[in-house]
Amino acid sequence: MFALNLVSRCLFAFWLTTSLSFAESTPIVAHEDPIEIDNGLTLAKVVDLTLEKFPDMAWLNALEDQAAALAQRGKSWTAGASQASYSFEEAATGANGGRLHFINAGVQVPLWNIGQRDAELAVGEQADTSAKTQTIATKLRVAGLVRGALWELDLQKIRYEQAQEEIKVYEQLHEKIGRRVELGDLPRSDVLLAQTELLQKRSTLIQAEAELMHARKRYASITQMTKVPKDYHEKLVDLKEVEQNHPALVAINSQINLKQAALDAMKAVGSGQTNVLAGVNGDMGNTASNHTVSFSIGVNIPFGGSDHLAPQVAAINVELNKLIAEREQLFRDLKQAHHEAEHNLEVNHAELANANELKTATESLLNMSKTAFSVGEIDLMDLLRIGAKAQQAALNAKERAVMLERDIALYNQAVGVMP
């Protein structure tokens, strides 16, 4: 009876345990990925630190450099690089051996077409906006990875802690059963049965430990750190539908606007750039030379180039329409994700209430079964079976509570809310 009361107290203590400590006993398998709680760390800070070391940062920095280069081009007073030319000619004048020297020097400057410079400036502005929105969208994606990793870590920690507590309970039970067998109160088969259950619990603990280590490694791999915030619970931001200011939608809209600006700029090129040419010509030499210097100016106007520009315009238009199609698909995906996140919240609310009721019922049944076992009304197998159900019900209640918090975070992720 003492042994059964001890088992009951251990089980009850386990059911009430909600510790957030990440410190466990020495691992069974010689492999450990340590994680520490940092009281000064917040979920938002973890996301910021993760973004700084995220592989996409190289691409995001390149986008900013590209935007700066495009803006610099639009601010230029000329439509392209100017060209300077210089030539020198020498000619013989006849039998007297005199020579003439001809010098030609000039500059060619490409001019912006009407509206072309404004179009190029618009490209630079849209590129800058696009770079910023891509960074925000990437940060939201990073937030989703961090949210998922943290709550997976929490779930695996709960399962590992339960496996540890069950080992303690079954070790004590095995010891007490062994004593009662020695006293002749129970058949020897009961101690073998208790030993079998204990070995199964040890196997469960090994697997739970492995899954916890995997969750830790995944978090460390994503964040490049081994510290977690003490509290990363979130408040639900309830939205009836996906809004247009969702970072992913804003990002792809900025890409569409950039591609449209690039298309307008390409059309503004027309047949090419008008060039202004200015030059100086002079000849000098013997008496046959006029020793003159002349100044020339000219304009080079291209025409008939629309057919040659059309393939480039068409190529940009293809890219533009592909982005538009991707936006429509993205919007559908976001609406589906919002619906699923909303539904998961409703399901887990109901499941949590049911799990708590089941936990209470199995606890009462276990207490009755312990009394029945002590007076010989049921055998050890029945007691173990009922105890296993009580333990599973307690675990389900804990898991559902964590899942509900996780689903709040995933709902916020679905609607585009940053931590």
Protein backbone atom coordinates (compact mmCIF):
# COMPACT_ATOMS: atom_id res chain seq x y z
CA MET A 1 0.00 0.00 0.00
CA PHE A 2 2.90 2.33 0.83
CA ALA A 3 4.45 1.60 -2.56
CA LEU A 4 1.22 2.39 -4.37
CA ASN A 5 0.77 5.65 -2.47
CA LEU A 6 4.33 6.58 -3.36
CA VAL A 7 3.64 5.88 -7.02
CA SER A 8 0.50 7.98 -6.84
CA ARG A 9 2.34 10.94 -5.31
CA CYS A 10 5.08 10.74 -7.95
CA LEU A 11 2.55 10.65 -10.76
CA PHE A 12 0.58 13.53 -9.32
CA ALA A 13 3.75 15.61 -8.91
CA PHE A 14 4.63 14.92 -12.53
CA TRP A 15 1.22 15.99 -13.78
CA LEU A 16 1.52 19.33 -11.97
CA THR A 17 5.05 20.01 -13.21
CA THR A 18 5.24 22.94 -15.66
CA SER A 19 8.86 23.95 -15.22
CA LEU A 20 10.52 25.92 -18.02
CA SER A 21 14.02 24.79 -17.05
CA PHE A 22 16.23 23.45 -19.81
CA ALA A 23 18.62 21.77 -17.37
CA GLU A 24 18.34 17.98 -17.50
CA SER A 25 20.29 15.13 -16.01
CA THR A 26 23.25 13.59 -17.74
CA PRO A 27 22.11 12.39 -21.19
CA ILE A 28 21.87 8.66 -21.81
CA VAL A 29 23.50 8.93 -25.23
CA ALA A 30 26.89 10.65 -25.26
CA HIS A 31 25.70 13.52 -27.45
CA GLU A 32 24.41 16.82 -26.16
CA ASP A 33 23.39 20.11 -27.76
CA PRO A 34 23.16 22.57 -24.87
CA ILE A 35 20.57 25.35 -24.80
CA GLU A 36 20.44 28.10 -22.17
CA ILE A 37 17.67 30.48 -21.12
CA ASP A 38 18.60 34.16 -21.42
CA ASN A 39 16.33 36.36 -19.32
CA GLY A 40 17.33 39.44 -21.29
CA LEU A 41 16.46 37.89 -24.65
CA THR A 42 13.12 38.45 -26.39
CA LEU A 43 11.52 36.78 -29.37
CA ALA A 44 11.89 39.97 -31.42
CA LYS A 45 15.59 40.16 -30.52
CA VAL A 46 16.14 36.55 -31.54
CA VAL A 47 14.55 37.28 -34.93
CA ASP A 48 16.75 40.36 -35.42
CA LEU A 49 19.93 38.47 -34.49
CA THR A 50 18.96 35.56 -36.73
CA LEU A 51 18.30 37.88 -39.66
CA GLU A 52 21.76 39.44 -39.31
CA LYS A 53 23.34 36.02 -39.89
CA PHE A 54 20.76 34.67 -42.32
CA PRO A 55 22.17 33.52 -45.69
CA ASP A 56 19.80 35.82 -47.61
CA MET A 57 21.53 38.90 -46.18
CA ALA A 58 24.13 38.77 -48.97
CA TRP A 59 21.34 38.92 -51.55
CA LEU A 60 19.50 41.68 -49.66
CA ASN A 61 22.68 43.78 -49.46
CA ALA A 62 23.20 43.28 -53.19
CA LEU A 63 19.67 44.57 -53.81
CA GLU A 64 20.50 47.75 -51.89
CA ASP A 65 23.69 48.19 -53.93
CA GLN A 66 21.71 47.69 -57.13
CA ALA A 67 19.15 50.31 -56.06
CA ALA A 68 21.93 52.81 -55.33
CA ALA A 69 23.49 52.17 -58.75
CA LEU A 70 20.18 52.63 -60.55
CA ALA A 71 19.49 55.85 -58.65
CA GLN A 72 22.93 57.15 -59.56
CA ARG A 73 22.29 56.44 -63.25
CA GLY A 74 18.97 58.31 -63.15
CA LYS A 75 20.66 61.36 -61.62
CA SER A 76 23.25 61.56 -64.41
CA TRP A 77 22.90 64.56 -66.77
CA THR A 78 23.73 62.41 -69.78
CA ALA A 79 22.07 59.28 -71.06
CA GLY A 80 25.36 57.42 -71.31
CA ALA A 81 29.10 57.80 -71.33
CA SER A 82 30.38 60.76 -73.37
CA GLN A 83 33.14 60.18 -75.92
CA ALA A 84 36.16 62.29 -76.88
CA SER A 85 37.95 61.85 -80.22
CA TYR A 86 41.24 63.11 -81.58
CA SER A 87 42.93 62.50 -84.92
CA PHE A 88 46.11 63.75 -86.58
CA GLU A 89 46.92 63.61 -90.30
CA GLU A 90 50.06 64.53 -92.18
CA ALA A 91 50.26 64.97 -95.95
CA ALA A 92 53.01 65.97 -98.46
CA THR A 93 52.30 69.09 -100.55
CA GLY A 94 54.36 68.27 -103.64
CA ALA A 95 57.91 68.20 -105.03
CA ASN A 96 59.21 70.83 -102.65
CA GLY A 97 58.75 68.37 -99.81
CA GLY A 98 56.38 70.55 -97.80
CA ARG A 99 53.96 68.91 -95.41
CA LEU A 100 50.51 69.76 -94.11
CA HIS A 101 49.23 68.82 -90.65
CA PHE A 102 45.52 68.26 -90.05
CA ILE A 103 44.22 68.05 -86.49
CA ASN A 104 40.65 67.02 -85.59
CA ALA A 105 39.28 66.91 -82.02
CA GLY A 106 35.71 66.43 -80.87
CA VAL A 107 33.29 65.41 -78.12
CA GLN A 108 30.13 63.30 -78.42
CA VAL A 109 27.48 63.53 -75.67
CA PRO A 110 24.38 61.23 -75.55
CA LEU A 111 21.21 63.06 -74.48
CA TRP A 112 18.18 61.77 -72.62
CA ASN A 113 15.08 61.25 -74.70
CA ILE A 114 11.95 63.08 -73.63
CA GLY A 115 10.73 61.47 -70.38
CA GLN A 116 13.56 58.95 -70.31
CA ARG A 117 15.42 60.42 -67.38
CA ASP A 118 12.25 60.57 -65.28
CA ALA A 119 11.65 56.93 -66.13
CA GLU A 120 15.18 56.01 -65.03
CA LEU A 121 14.73 57.95 -61.79
CA ALA A 122 11.52 56.00 -61.17
CA VAL A 123 13.44 52.74 -61.64
CA GLY A 124 15.92 53.79 -58.97
CA GLU A 125 13.17 54.76 -56.53
CA GLN A 126 11.26 51.52 -57.08
CA ALA A 127 14.46 49.49 -56.71
CA ASP A 128 15.11 51.12 -53.35
CA THR A 129 11.55 50.42 -52.20
CA SER A 130 11.78 46.84 -53.42
CA ALA A 131 15.04 46.25 -51.55
CA LYS A 132 13.48 47.46 -48.30
CA THR A 133 10.31 45.38 -48.69
CA GLN A 134 12.33 42.27 -49.56
CA THR A 135 14.20 42.71 -46.28
CA ILE A 136 10.93 42.97 -44.33
CA ALA A 137 9.48 39.91 -46.08
CA THR A 138 12.66 37.95 -45.36
CA LYS A 139 12.46 38.99 -41.72
CA LEU A 140 8.92 37.62 -41.54
CA ARG A 141 10.13 34.35 -43.05
CA VAL A 142 12.91 34.20 -40.46
CA ALA A 143 10.34 34.88 -37.74
CA GLY A 144 8.36 31.87 -38.93
CA LEU A 145 11.42 29.63 -38.71
CA VAL A 146 12.25 30.89 -35.22
CA ARG A 147 8.65 30.53 -34.02
CA GLY A 148 8.43 26.97 -35.28
CA ALA A 149 11.81 25.99 -33.82
CA LEU A 150 11.02 27.43 -30.38
CA TRP A 151 7.65 25.73 -30.01
CA GLU A 152 8.99 22.44 -31.34
CA LEU A 153 11.70 22.71 -28.70
CA ASP A 154 9.03 23.27 -26.06
CA LEU A 155 7.01 20.24 -27.16
CA GLN A 156 10.04 17.96 -27.20
CA LYS A 157 11.10 19.24 -23.78
CA ILE A 158 7.70 18.32 -22.32
CA ARG A 159 7.90 14.81 -23.79
CA TYR A 160 11.43 14.37 -22.50
CA GLU A 161 10.52 15.55 -18.99
CA GLN A 162 7.57 13.17 -18.90
CA ALA A 163 9.77 10.29 -19.99
CA GLN A 164 12.19 11.17 -17.17
CA GLU A 165 9.42 11.28 -14.58
CA GLU A 166 7.94 8.01 -15.80
CA ILE A 167 11.33 6.34 -15.43
CA LYS A 168 11.49 7.47 -11.80
CA VAL A 169 7.97 6.22 -11.13
CA TYR A 170 8.55 2.83 -12.75
CA GLU A 171 11.93 2.38 -11.04
CA GLN A 172 10.25 2.88 -7.69
CA LEU A 173 7.35 0.66 -8.71
CA HIS A 174 9.75 -2.06 -9.85
CA GLU A 175 11.57 -1.88 -6.53
CA LYS A 176 8.38 -2.07 -4.46
CA ILE A 177 6.95 -4.90 -6.53
CA GLY A 178 10.20 -6.78 -6.03
CA ARG A 179 9.93 -6.42 -2.27
CA ARG A 180 6.33 -7.61 -2.25
CA VAL A 181 7.29 -10.61 -4.39
CA GLU A 182 10.01 -11.48 -1.86
CA LEU A 183 7.43 -11.26 0.90
CA GLY A 184 5.10 -13.54 -1.05
CA ASP A 185 2.39 -10.90 -1.53
CA LEU A 186 2.65 -10.99 -5.32
CA PRO A 187 3.59 -13.66 -7.89
CA ARG A 188 7.11 -13.57 -9.35
CA SER A 189 5.67 -12.84 -12.80
CA ASP A 190 4.69 -9.39 -11.54
CA VAL A 191 8.30 -8.34 -11.00
CA LEU A 192 9.15 -9.48 -14.54
CA LEU A 193 6.17 -7.53 -15.85
CA ALA A 194 7.31 -4.43 -13.93
CA GLN A 195 10.82 -4.90 -15.30
CA THR A 196 9.48 -5.14 -18.86
CA GLU A 197 7.56 -1.89 -18.42
CA LEU A 198 10.65 -0.21 -16.98
CA LEU A 199 12.78 -1.24 -19.96
CA GLN A 200 10.15 0.07 -22.35
CA LYS A 201 10.11 3.39 -20.50
CA ARG A 202 13.90 3.58 -20.80
CA SER A 203 13.60 3.10 -24.55
CA THR A 204 10.99 5.86 -24.65
CA LEU A 205 13.36 8.13 -22.71
CA ILE A 206 16.20 7.47 -25.15
CA GLN A 207 13.98 8.38 -28.10
CA ALA A 208 12.61 11.47 -26.34
CA GLU A 209 16.16 12.58 -25.55
CA ALA A 210 17.14 12.14 -29.21
CA GLU A 211 14.17 14.19 -30.42
CA LEU A 212 14.99 16.92 -27.90
CA MET A 213 18.59 17.05 -29.16
CA HIS A 214 17.31 17.27 -32.73
CA ALA A 215 15.02 20.17 -31.78
CA ARG A 216 17.90 21.94 -30.05
CA LYS A 217 20.17 21.48 -33.04
CA ARG A 218 17.50 22.75 -35.40
CA TYR A 219 17.02 25.89 -33.29
CA ALA A 220 20.78 26.46 -33.08
CA SER A 221 21.15 25.90 -36.83
CA ILE A 222 18.44 28.43 -37.65
CA THR A 223 19.43 31.11 -35.16
CA GLN A 224 23.19 30.43 -34.94
CA MET A 225 22.90 30.74 -31.16
CA THR A 226 22.38 28.45 -28.17
CA LYS A 227 20.28 30.80 -26.05
CA VAL A 228 16.50 31.06 -25.95
CA PRO A 229 14.23 33.74 -24.47
CA LYS A 230 12.53 32.93 -21.18
CA ASP A 231 9.14 33.95 -22.52
CA TYR A 232 8.11 33.85 -26.16
CA HIS A 233 4.33 33.69 -25.83
CA GLU A 234 2.38 35.99 -28.16
CA LYS A 235 -0.94 37.76 -28.13
CA LEU A 236 -3.34 36.77 -30.87
CA VAL A 237 -3.80 39.41 -33.59
CA ASP A 238 -7.21 38.40 -34.88
CA LEU A 239 -7.80 39.37 -38.51
CA LYS A 240 -10.82 38.31 -40.53
CA GLU A 241 -8.80 38.03 -43.74
CA VAL A 242 -5.34 38.54 -45.17
CA GLU A 243 -4.72 42.25 -45.63
CA GLN A 244 -2.86 43.90 -48.48
CA ASN A 245 -0.18 45.17 -46.11
CA HIS A 246 1.01 41.61 -45.49
CA PRO A 247 4.83 41.81 -45.89
CA ALA A 248 4.90 39.05 -48.49
CA LEU A 249 2.28 40.82 -50.62
CA VAL A 250 3.98 44.19 -50.18
CA ALA A 251 7.28 42.65 -51.27
CA ILE A 252 5.94 41.09 -54.46
CA ASN A 253 3.96 44.24 -55.29
CA SER A 254 7.18 46.24 -55.04
CA GLN A 255 8.83 43.78 -57.45
CA ILE A 256 5.94 44.26 -59.87
CA ASN A 257 6.25 48.04 -59.60
CA LEU A 258 9.99 47.81 -60.21
CA LYS A 259 9.50 45.65 -63.28
CA GLN A 260 6.83 48.05 -64.60
CA ALA A 261 9.22 50.97 -64.10
CA ALA A 262 11.94 49.04 -65.96
CA LEU A 263 9.49 48.40 -68.80
CA ASP A 264 8.62 52.11 -69.03
CA ALA A 265 12.32 53.00 -69.01
CA MET A 266 13.05 50.53 -71.78
CA LYS A 267 10.24 51.95 -73.94
CA ALA A 268 11.61 55.46 -73.37
CA VAL A 269 14.86 54.41 -75.05
CA GLY A 270 12.95 54.43 -78.35
CA SER A 271 15.28 54.08 -81.33
CA GLY A 272 18.29 54.98 -79.22
CA GLN A 273 20.01 58.04 -77.83
CA THR A 274 20.34 61.36 -79.61
CA ASN A 275 23.97 62.45 -79.62
CA VAL A 276 25.36 66.00 -79.79
CA LEU A 277 28.78 66.29 -81.45
CA ALA A 278 31.12 69.24 -81.16
CA GLY A 279 34.59 69.41 -82.70
CA VAL A 280 37.56 71.53 -83.70
CA ASN A 281 39.43 71.11 -87.03
CA GLY A 282 42.70 72.79 -88.02
CA ASP A 283 45.43 72.61 -90.66
CA MET A 284 48.93 73.98 -90.52
CA GLY A 285 52.24 73.44 -92.23
CA ASN A 286 54.12 75.33 -95.00
CA THR A 287 53.03 78.32 -97.06
CA ALA A 288 50.51 76.20 -98.95
CA SER A 289 48.49 75.84 -95.78
CA ASN A 290 45.69 78.21 -94.98
CA HIS A 291 46.51 77.95 -91.27
CA THR A 292 42.80 77.76 -90.49
CA VAL A 293 40.93 76.53 -87.44
CA SER A 294 37.25 75.67 -87.70
CA PHE A 295 34.55 74.67 -85.20
CA SER A 296 31.82 72.14 -85.99
CA ILE A 297 28.68 71.01 -84.21
CA GLY A 298 26.20 68.32 -85.15
CA VAL A 299 23.34 66.18 -83.95
CA ASN A 300 23.00 62.43 -84.43
CA ILE A 301 19.32 61.38 -84.27
CA PRO A 302 18.52 57.65 -84.45
CA PHE A 303 15.27 56.45 -85.99
CA GLY A 304 13.53 53.26 -87.01
CA GLY A 305 14.81 51.27 -84.04
CA SER A 306 11.50 50.15 -82.54
CA ASP A 307 11.70 46.75 -84.22
CA HIS A 308 15.10 46.14 -82.66
CA LEU A 309 13.95 47.27 -79.21
CA ALA A 310 10.76 45.16 -79.28
CA PRO A 311 12.38 41.86 -78.13
CA GLN A 312 13.82 43.53 -75.02
CA VAL A 313 10.46 45.15 -74.22
CA ALA A 314 8.74 41.79 -74.70
CA ALA A 315 11.22 40.03 -72.41
CA ILE A 316 10.59 42.49 -69.57
CA ASN A 317 6.85 42.20 -70.15
CA VAL A 318 7.08 38.42 -69.78
CA GLU A 319 8.86 38.84 -66.44
CA LEU A 320 6.27 41.39 -65.34
CA ASN A 321 3.34 39.11 -66.07
CA LYS A 322 5.08 36.19 -64.38
CA LEU A 323 5.34 38.27 -61.20
CA ILE A 324 1.67 39.19 -61.47
CA ALA A 325 0.78 35.49 -61.72
CA GLU A 326 3.01 34.72 -58.72
CA ARG A 327 1.25 37.43 -56.73
CA GLU A 328 -2.15 35.91 -57.45
CA GLN A 329 -0.92 32.47 -56.37
CA LEU A 330 0.73 33.93 -53.28
CA PHE A 331 -2.52 35.62 -52.27
CA ARG A 332 -4.37 32.33 -52.61
CA ASP A 333 -1.72 30.55 -50.55
CA LEU A 334 -1.88 33.22 -47.84
CA LYS A 335 -5.66 32.95 -47.65
CA GLN A 336 -5.38 29.17 -47.34
CA ALA A 337 -2.72 29.51 -44.62
CA HIS A 338 -4.93 31.98 -42.75
CA HIS A 339 -7.90 29.61 -42.92
CA GLU A 340 -5.82 26.65 -41.69
CA ALA A 341 -4.28 28.68 -38.85
CA GLU A 342 -7.74 29.87 -37.79
CA HIS A 343 -9.13 26.35 -37.93
CA ASN A 344 -6.19 24.91 -35.95
CA LEU A 345 -6.85 27.44 -33.20
CA GLU A 346 -10.50 26.43 -33.00
CA VAL A 347 -9.63 22.73 -32.97
CA ASN A 348 -6.97 23.07 -30.27
CA HIS A 349 -9.28 25.16 -28.08
CA ALA A 350 -11.76 22.29 -28.16
CA GLU A 351 -9.06 19.63 -27.82
CA LEU A 352 -7.51 21.35 -24.80
CA ALA A 353 -10.83 21.42 -22.95
CA ASN A 354 -11.39 17.74 -23.79
CA ALA A 355 -7.81 16.81 -22.78
CA ASN A 356 -8.21 18.48 -19.39
CA GLU A 357 -11.45 16.61 -18.75
CA LEU A 358 -9.83 13.32 -19.79
CA LYS A 359 -6.87 14.02 -17.51
CA THR A 360 -9.18 14.55 -14.54
CA ALA A 361 -11.15 11.39 -15.32
CA THR A 362 -8.07 9.18 -15.71
CA GLU A 363 -6.58 10.54 -12.48
CA SER A 364 -9.72 9.51 -10.60
CA LEU A 365 -9.71 6.12 -12.28
CA LEU A 366 -6.07 5.58 -11.37
CA ASN A 367 -6.70 6.40 -7.73
CA MET A 368 -9.56 3.89 -7.65
CA SER A 369 -7.43 1.28 -9.40
CA LYS A 370 -4.63 1.64 -6.87
CA THR A 371 -7.07 0.89 -4.09
CA ALA A 372 -8.44 -2.07 -6.02
CA PHE A 373 -4.92 -3.42 -6.63
CA SER A 374 -4.03 -3.14 -2.96
CA VAL A 375 -6.94 -5.38 -2.00
CA GLY A 376 -6.37 -7.80 -4.87
CA GLU A 377 -9.41 -6.87 -6.97
CA ILE A 378 -7.29 -6.19 -10.07
CA ASP A 379 -3.89 -7.48 -11.14
CA LEU A 380 -0.71 -5.56 -11.93
CA MET A 381 -1.37 -5.62 -15.67
CA ASP A 382 -4.63 -3.73 -15.22
CA LEU A 383 -2.97 -1.21 -12.94
CA LEU A 384 -0.17 -0.59 -15.43
CA ARG A 385 -2.63 -0.20 -18.28
CA ILE A 386 -4.71 2.33 -16.37
CA GLY A 387 -1.58 4.14 -15.21
CA ALA A 388 -0.33 4.38 -18.80
CA LYS A 389 -3.64 5.94 -19.84
CA ALA A 390 -3.41 8.45 -17.00
CA GLN A 391 0.14 9.38 -17.96
CA GLN A 392 -0.81 9.77 -21.62
CA ALA A 393 -3.81 11.91 -20.70
CA ALA A 394 -1.60 14.15 -18.57
CA LEU A 395 0.88 14.48 -21.45
CA ASN A 396 -1.91 15.25 -23.92
CA ALA A 397 -3.19 18.04 -21.69
CA LYS A 398 0.29 19.58 -21.47
CA GLU A 399 0.90 19.19 -25.20
CA ARG A 400 -2.45 20.75 -26.11
CA ALA A 401 -1.68 23.76 -23.93
CA VAL A 402 1.64 24.22 -25.73
CA MET A 403 0.07 23.58 -29.13
CA LEU A 404 -2.50 26.28 -28.48
CA GLU A 405 0.26 28.80 -27.73
CA ARG A 406 2.14 27.59 -30.78
CA ASP A 407 -0.92 27.97 -32.98
CA ILE A 408 -1.35 31.56 -31.78
CA ALA A 409 2.19 32.26 -32.95
CA LEU A 410 1.57 30.49 -36.26
CA TYR A 411 -1.67 32.42 -36.76
CA ASN A 412 0.20 35.69 -36.28
CA GLN A 413 2.77 34.41 -38.75
CA ALA A 414 0.06 33.58 -41.30
CA VAL A 415 -1.43 37.08 -41.18
CA GLY A 416 2.01 38.72 -41.40
CA VAL A 417 2.48 39.97 -37.82
CA MET A 418 6.08 40.43 -36.71
CA PRO A 419 7.06 39.33 -33.17
